[in-house]
Amino acid sequence: VRFVLDTRITALTRSGARIAAAQTDAGAI
């Protein structure tokens, strides 16, 4: 399991009717 810690999630970006990525201080997931 990959852990991205001490990293703030700033937004969730949509692509149509779905979430495409979680935007974080360390980039998009």
PDB file of all heavy atoms in Angstrom:
ATOM      1  N   VAL A   1       0.855  -1.190   0.000  1.00  0.00           N
ATOM      2  CA  VAL A   1       0.000   0.000   0.000  1.00  0.00           C
ATOM      3  C   VAL A   1       0.886   1.233   0.000  1.00  0.00           C
ATOM      4  O   VAL A   1       1.851   1.328   0.771  1.00  0.00           O
ATOM      5  CB  VAL A   1      -0.941  -0.003   1.219  1.00  0.00           C
ATOM      6  CG1 VAL A   1      -1.687   1.329   1.337  1.00  0.00           C
ATOM      7  CG2 VAL A   1      -1.933  -1.151   1.119  1.00  0.00           C
ATOM      8  N   ARG A   2       0.570   2.180  -0.868  1.00  0.00           N
ATOM      9  CA  ARG A   2       1.349   3.413  -0.972  1.00  0.00           C
ATOM     10  C   ARG A   2       0.793   4.456  -0.001  1.00  0.00           C
ATOM     11  O   ARG A   2      -0.418   4.687   0.045  1.00  0.00           O
ATOM     12  CB  ARG A   2       1.286   3.949  -2.393  1.00  0.00           C
ATOM     13  CG  ARG A   2       2.019   5.280  -2.614  1.00  0.00           C
ATOM     14  CD  ARG A   2       1.693   5.858  -3.968  1.00  0.00           C
ATOM     15  NE  ARG A   2       2.277   7.178  -4.166  1.00  0.00           N
ATOM     16  CZ  ARG A   2       1.784   8.096  -4.972  1.00  0.00           C
ATOM     17  NH1 ARG A   2       0.672   7.845  -5.675  1.00  0.00           N
ATOM     18  NH2 ARG A   2       2.377   9.267  -5.107  1.00  0.00           N
ATOM     19  N   PHE A   3       1.667   5.062   0.796  1.00  0.00           N
ATOM     20  CA  PHE A   3       1.253   6.111   1.733  1.00  0.00           C
ATOM     21  C   PHE A   3       1.856   7.445   1.308  1.00  0.00           C
ATOM     22  O   PHE A   3       3.072   7.544   1.089  1.00  0.00           O
ATOM     23  CB  PHE A   3       1.702   5.768   3.156  1.00  0.00           C
ATOM     24  CG  PHE A   3       0.832   4.732   3.820  1.00  0.00           C
ATOM     25  CD1 PHE A   3       1.076   3.380   3.643  1.00  0.00           C
ATOM     26  CD2 PHE A   3      -0.254   5.115   4.603  1.00  0.00           C
ATOM     27  CE1 PHE A   3       0.277   2.421   4.232  1.00  0.00           C
ATOM     28  CE2 PHE A   3      -1.069   4.172   5.201  1.00  0.00           C
ATOM     29  CZ  PHE A   3      -0.804   2.817   5.016  1.00  0.00           C
ATOM     30  N   VAL A   4       1.006   8.433   1.169  1.00  0.00           N
ATOM     31  CA  VAL A   4       1.430   9.806   0.876  1.00  0.00           C
ATOM     32  C   VAL A   4       1.047  10.628   2.102  1.00  0.00           C
ATOM     33  O   VAL A   4      -0.094  11.085   2.233  1.00  0.00           O
ATOM     34  CB  VAL A   4       0.755  10.347  -0.399  1.00  0.00           C
ATOM     35  CG1 VAL A   4       1.271  11.741  -0.727  1.00  0.00           C
ATOM     36  CG2 VAL A   4       0.978   9.407  -1.579  1.00  0.00           C
ATOM     37  N   LEU A   5       1.993  10.798   3.019  1.00  0.00           N
ATOM     38  CA  LEU A   5       1.709  11.406   4.315  1.00  0.00           C
ATOM     39  C   LEU A   5       2.265  12.816   4.407  1.00  0.00           C
ATOM     40  O   LEU A   5       3.078  13.234   3.585  1.00  0.00           O
ATOM     41  CB  LEU A   5       2.274  10.520   5.429  1.00  0.00           C
ATOM     42  CG  LEU A   5       1.735   9.077   5.442  1.00  0.00           C
ATOM     43  CD1 LEU A   5       2.472   8.236   6.464  1.00  0.00           C
ATOM     44  CD2 LEU A   5       0.232   9.060   5.707  1.00  0.00           C
ATOM     45  N   ASP A   6       1.819  13.532   5.447  1.00  0.00           N
ATOM     46  CA  ASP A   6       2.202  14.930   5.640  1.00  0.00           C
ATOM     47  C   ASP A   6       1.939  15.731   4.367  1.00  0.00           C
ATOM     48  O   ASP A   6       2.713  16.621   3.997  1.00  0.00           O
ATOM     49  CB  ASP A   6       3.680  15.029   6.050  1.00  0.00           C
ATOM     50  CG  ASP A   6       3.956  14.299   7.360  1.00  0.00           C
ATOM     51  OD1 ASP A   6       3.167  14.474   8.307  1.00  0.00           O
ATOM     52  OD2 ASP A   6       4.934  13.543   7.430  1.00  0.00           O
ATOM     53  N   THR A   7       0.845  15.412   3.715  1.00  0.00           N
ATOM     54  CA  THR A   7       0.502  16.012   2.420  1.00  0.00           C
ATOM     55  C   THR A   7      -0.973  16.406   2.432  1.00  0.00           C
ATOM     56  O   THR A   7      -1.848  15.563   2.647  1.00  0.00           O
ATOM     57  CB  THR A   7       0.759  15.010   1.272  1.00  0.00           C
ATOM     58  OG1 THR A   7       2.143  14.629   1.289  1.00  0.00           O
ATOM     59  CG2 THR A   7       0.414  15.616  -0.074  1.00  0.00           C
ATOM     60  N   ARG A   8      -1.243  17.662   2.188  1.00  0.00           N
ATOM     61  CA  ARG A   8      -2.617  18.173   2.250  1.00  0.00           C
ATOM     62  C   ARG A   8      -3.337  17.975   0.928  1.00  0.00           C
ATOM     63  O   ARG A   8      -2.788  18.216  -0.139  1.00  0.00           O
ATOM     64  CB  ARG A   8      -2.582  19.663   2.604  1.00  0.00           C
ATOM     65  CG  ARG A   8      -3.945  20.259   2.961  1.00  0.00           C
ATOM     66  CD  ARG A   8      -3.765  21.655   3.523  1.00  0.00           C
ATOM     67  NE  ARG A   8      -3.194  22.554   2.527  1.00  0.00           N
ATOM     68  CZ  ARG A   8      -3.925  23.341   1.724  1.00  0.00           C
ATOM     69  NH1 ARG A   8      -5.250  23.329   1.803  1.00  0.00           N
ATOM     70  NH2 ARG A   8      -3.333  24.139   0.866  1.00  0.00           N
ATOM     71  N   ILE A   9      -4.575  17.521   0.993  1.00  0.00           N
ATOM     72  CA  ILE A   9      -5.430  17.409  -0.193  1.00  0.00           C
ATOM     73  C   ILE A   9      -6.128  18.750  -0.374  1.00  0.00           C
ATOM     74  O   ILE A   9      -6.818  19.234   0.530  1.00  0.00           O
ATOM     75  CB  ILE A   9      -6.469  16.290  -0.028  1.00  0.00           C
ATOM     76  CG1 ILE A   9      -5.778  14.955   0.256  1.00  0.00           C
ATOM     77  CG2 ILE A   9      -7.344  16.179  -1.275  1.00  0.00           C
ATOM     78  CD1 ILE A   9      -6.724  13.860   0.710  1.00  0.00           C
ATOM     79  N   THR A  10      -5.966  19.356  -1.523  1.00  0.00           N
ATOM     80  CA  THR A  10      -6.519  20.692  -1.749  1.00  0.00           C
ATOM     81  C   THR A  10      -7.840  20.677  -2.499  1.00  0.00           C
ATOM     82  O   THR A  10      -8.669  21.578  -2.326  1.00  0.00           O
ATOM     83  CB  THR A  10      -5.509  21.555  -2.521  1.00  0.00           C
ATOM     84  OG1 THR A  10      -5.176  20.873  -3.755  1.00  0.00           O
ATOM     85  CG2 THR A  10      -4.240  21.762  -1.707  1.00  0.00           C
ATOM     86  N   ALA A  11      -8.079  19.660  -3.320  1.00  0.00           N
ATOM     87  CA  ALA A  11      -9.326  19.614  -4.100  1.00  0.00           C
ATOM     88  C   ALA A  11      -9.455  18.253  -4.766  1.00  0.00           C
ATOM     89  O   ALA A  11      -8.481  17.492  -4.894  1.00  0.00           O
ATOM     90  CB  ALA A  11      -9.340  20.707  -5.167  1.00  0.00           C
ATOM     91  N   LEU A  12     -10.680  17.960  -5.185  1.00  0.00           N
ATOM     92  CA  LEU A  12     -10.950  16.793  -6.021  1.00  0.00           C
ATOM     93  C   LEU A  12     -11.393  17.303  -7.380  1.00  0.00           C
ATOM     94  O   LEU A  12     -12.278  18.157  -7.472  1.00  0.00           O
ATOM     95  CB  LEU A  12     -12.045  15.927  -5.401  1.00  0.00           C
ATOM     96  CG  LEU A  12     -11.739  15.326  -4.030  1.00  0.00           C
ATOM     97  CD1 LEU A  12     -12.963  14.604  -3.472  1.00  0.00           C
ATOM     98  CD2 LEU A  12     -10.561  14.372  -4.102  1.00  0.00           C
ATOM     99  N   THR A  13     -10.764  16.810  -8.437  1.00  0.00           N
ATOM    100  CA  THR A  13     -11.099  17.288  -9.775  1.00  0.00           C
ATOM    101  C   THR A  13     -11.947  16.257 -10.507  1.00  0.00           C
ATOM    102  O   THR A  13     -11.687  15.058 -10.457  1.00  0.00           O
ATOM    103  CB  THR A  13      -9.831  17.586 -10.585  1.00  0.00           C
ATOM    104  OG1 THR A  13      -9.000  16.418 -10.615  1.00  0.00           O
ATOM    105  CG2 THR A  13      -9.055  18.727  -9.943  1.00  0.00           C
ATOM    106  N   ARG A  14     -12.966  16.758 -11.199  1.00  0.00           N
ATOM    107  CA  ARG A  14     -13.894  15.905 -11.941  1.00  0.00           C
ATOM    108  C   ARG A  14     -13.435  15.712 -13.381  1.00  0.00           C
ATOM    109  O   ARG A  14     -12.771  16.561 -13.956  1.00  0.00           O
ATOM    110  CB  ARG A  14     -15.281  16.540 -11.978  1.00  0.00           C
ATOM    111  CG  ARG A  14     -16.077  16.503 -10.692  1.00  0.00           C
ATOM    112  CD  ARG A  14     -17.419  17.171 -10.941  1.00  0.00           C
ATOM    113  NE  ARG A  14     -18.265  17.285  -9.784  1.00  0.00           N
ATOM    114  CZ  ARG A  14     -19.312  16.487  -9.530  1.00  0.00           C
ATOM    115  NH1 ARG A  14     -19.600  15.508 -10.361  1.00  0.00           N
ATOM    116  NH2 ARG A  14     -20.053  16.688  -8.460  1.00  0.00           N
ATOM    117  N   SER A  15     -13.871  14.605 -13.930  1.00  0.00           N
ATOM    118  CA  SER A  15     -13.799  14.385 -15.366  1.00  0.00           C
ATOM    119  C   SER A  15     -15.141  13.780 -15.752  1.00  0.00           C
ATOM    120  O   SER A  15     -15.380  12.592 -15.533  1.00  0.00           O
ATOM    121  CB  SER A  15     -12.655  13.444 -15.724  1.00  0.00           C
ATOM    122  OG  SER A  15     -12.668  13.172 -17.109  1.00  0.00           O
ATOM    123  N   GLY A  16     -16.034  14.618 -16.234  1.00  0.00           N
ATOM    124  CA  GLY A  16     -17.387  14.171 -16.500  1.00  0.00           C
ATOM    125  C   GLY A  16     -18.104  13.857 -15.211  1.00  0.00           C
ATOM    126  O   GLY A  16     -18.138  14.668 -14.277  1.00  0.00           O
ATOM    127  N   ALA A  17     -18.646  12.654 -15.095  1.00  0.00           N
ATOM    128  CA  ALA A  17     -19.403  12.258 -13.912  1.00  0.00           C
ATOM    129  C   ALA A  17     -18.544  11.539 -12.876  1.00  0.00           C
ATOM    130  O   ALA A  17     -19.067  10.951 -11.934  1.00  0.00           O
ATOM    131  CB  ALA A  17     -20.562  11.357 -14.324  1.00  0.00           C
ATOM    132  N   ARG A  18     -17.229  11.605 -13.032  1.00  0.00           N
ATOM    133  CA  ARG A  18     -16.342  10.880 -12.134  1.00  0.00           C
ATOM    134  C   ARG A  18     -15.264  11.801 -11.568  1.00  0.00           C
ATOM    135  O   ARG A  18     -14.992  12.878 -12.113  1.00  0.00           O
ATOM    136  CB  ARG A  18     -15.680   9.702 -12.872  1.00  0.00           C
ATOM    137  CG  ARG A  18     -16.670   8.685 -13.411  1.00  0.00           C
ATOM    138  CD  ARG A  18     -15.988   7.622 -14.259  1.00  0.00           C
ATOM    139  NE  ARG A  18     -15.088   6.776 -13.471  1.00  0.00           N
ATOM    140  CZ  ARG A  18     -15.494   5.749 -12.742  1.00  0.00           C
ATOM    141  NH1 ARG A  18     -16.785   5.455 -12.668  1.00  0.00           N
ATOM    142  NH2 ARG A  18     -14.636   5.008 -12.077  1.00  0.00           N
ATOM    143  N   ILE A  19     -14.651  11.354 -10.457  1.00  0.00           N
ATOM    144  CA  ILE A  19     -13.465  12.026  -9.938  1.00  0.00           C
ATOM    145  C   ILE A  19     -12.257  11.501 -10.709  1.00  0.00           C
ATOM    146  O   ILE A  19     -12.061  10.283 -10.814  1.00  0.00           O
ATOM    147  CB  ILE A  19     -13.286  11.749  -8.430  1.00  0.00           C
ATOM    148  CG1 ILE A  19     -14.478  12.273  -7.640  1.00  0.00           C
ATOM    149  CG2 ILE A  19     -11.986  12.381  -7.925  1.00  0.00           C
ATOM    150  CD1 ILE A  19     -14.643  13.767  -7.697  1.00  0.00           C
ATOM    151  N   ALA A  20     -11.465  12.434 -11.224  1.00  0.00           N
ATOM    152  CA  ALA A  20     -10.269  12.036 -11.974  1.00  0.00           C
ATOM    153  C   ALA A  20      -9.044  11.958 -11.074  1.00  0.00           C
ATOM    154  O   ALA A  20      -8.186  11.077 -11.245  1.00  0.00           O
ATOM    155  CB  ALA A  20     -10.015  13.020 -13.112  1.00  0.00           C
ATOM    156  N   ALA A  21      -8.944  12.889 -10.111  1.00  0.00           N
ATOM    157  CA  ALA A  21      -7.736  12.936  -9.290  1.00  0.00           C
ATOM    158  C   ALA A  21      -7.989  13.713  -8.010  1.00  0.00           C
ATOM    159  O   ALA A  21      -8.884  14.564  -7.937  1.00  0.00           O
ATOM    160  CB  ALA A  21      -6.589  13.577 -10.066  1.00  0.00           C
ATOM    161  N   ALA A  22      -7.185  13.390  -7.017  1.00  0.00           N
ATOM    162  CA  ALA A  22      -7.110  14.190  -5.799  1.00  0.00           C
ATOM    163  C   ALA A  22      -5.898  15.103  -5.942  1.00  0.00           C
ATOM    164  O   ALA A  22      -4.774  14.623  -6.134  1.00  0.00           O
ATOM    165  CB  ALA A  22      -6.974  13.298  -4.576  1.00  0.00           C
ATOM    166  N   GLN A  23      -6.133  16.397  -5.887  1.00  0.00           N
ATOM    167  CA  GLN A  23      -5.041  17.356  -5.983  1.00  0.00           C
ATOM    168  C   GLN A  23      -4.427  17.550  -4.602  1.00  0.00           C
ATOM    169  O   GLN A  23      -5.136  17.800  -3.623  1.00  0.00           O
ATOM    170  CB  GLN A  23      -5.557  18.691  -6.514  1.00  0.00           C
ATOM    171  CG  GLN A  23      -6.223  18.603  -7.884  1.00  0.00           C
ATOM    172  CD  GLN A  23      -5.266  18.131  -8.969  1.00  0.00           C
ATOM    173  OE1 GLN A  23      -4.062  18.392  -8.909  1.00  0.00           O
ATOM    174  NE2 GLN A  23      -5.809  17.435  -9.972  1.00  0.00           N
ATOM    175  N   THR A  24      -3.110  17.434  -4.512  1.00  0.00           N
ATOM    176  CA  THR A  24      -2.425  17.553  -3.224  1.00  0.00           C
ATOM    177  C   THR A  24      -1.231  18.483  -3.347  1.00  0.00           C
ATOM    178  O   THR A  24      -0.837  18.879  -4.446  1.00  0.00           O
ATOM    179  CB  THR A  24      -1.919  16.180  -2.731  1.00  0.00           C
ATOM    180  OG1 THR A  24      -0.721  15.826  -3.439  1.00  0.00           O
ATOM    181  CG2 THR A  24      -2.960  15.095  -2.937  1.00  0.00           C
ATOM    182  N   ASP A  25      -0.641  18.793  -2.206  1.00  0.00           N
ATOM    183  CA  ASP A  25       0.578  19.607  -2.183  1.00  0.00           C
ATOM    184  C   ASP A  25       1.711  18.936  -2.946  1.00  0.00           C
ATOM    185  O   ASP A  25       2.659  19.606  -3.379  1.00  0.00           O
ATOM    186  CB  ASP A  25       1.029  19.846  -0.733  1.00  0.00           C
ATOM    187  CG  ASP A  25       0.051  20.715   0.040  1.00  0.00           C
ATOM    188  OD1 ASP A  25      -0.726  21.442  -0.613  1.00  0.00           O
ATOM    189  OD2 ASP A  25       0.067  20.672   1.278  1.00  0.00           O
ATOM    190  N   ALA A  26       1.624  17.606  -3.082  1.00  0.00           N
ATOM    191  CA  ALA A  26       2.689  16.854  -3.756  1.00  0.00           C
ATOM    192  C   ALA A  26       2.311  16.478  -5.184  1.00  0.00           C
ATOM    193  O   ALA A  26       2.986  15.673  -5.809  1.00  0.00           O
ATOM    194  CB  ALA A  26       3.009  15.594  -2.954  1.00  0.00           C
ATOM    195  N   GLY A  27       1.217  17.069  -5.685  1.00  0.00           N
ATOM    196  CA  GLY A  27       0.785  16.766  -7.038  1.00  0.00           C
ATOM    197  C   GLY A  27      -0.513  15.983  -7.065  1.00  0.00           C
ATOM    198  O   GLY A  27      -1.115  15.696  -6.026  1.00  0.00           O
ATOM    199  N   ALA A  28      -0.943  15.600  -8.251  1.00  0.00           N
ATOM    200  CA  ALA A  28      -2.215  14.901  -8.420  1.00  0.00           C
ATOM    201  C   ALA A  28      -2.053  13.405  -8.168  1.00  0.00           C
ATOM    202  O   ALA A  28      -1.045  12.804  -8.544  1.00  0.00           O
ATOM    203  CB  ALA A  28      -2.759  15.134  -9.824  1.00  0.00           C
ATOM    204  N   ILE A  29      -3.072  12.824  -7.521  1.00  0.00           N
ATOM    205  CA  ILE A  29      -3.119  11.379  -7.324  1.00  0.00           C
ATOM    206  C   ILE A  29      -4.323  10.858  -8.086  1.00  0.00           C
ATOM    207  O   ILE A  29      -5.480  11.157  -7.741  1.00  0.00           O
ATOM    208  CB  ILE A  29      -3.237  11.018  -5.828  1.00  0.00           C
ATOM    209  CG1 ILE A  29      -1.997  11.506  -5.071  1.00  0.00           C
ATOM    210  CG2 ILE A  29      -3.406   9.502  -5.658  1.00  0.00           C
ATOM    211  CD1 ILE A  29      -2.069  11.295  -3.576  1.00  0.00           C
TER     212      ILE A  29
END
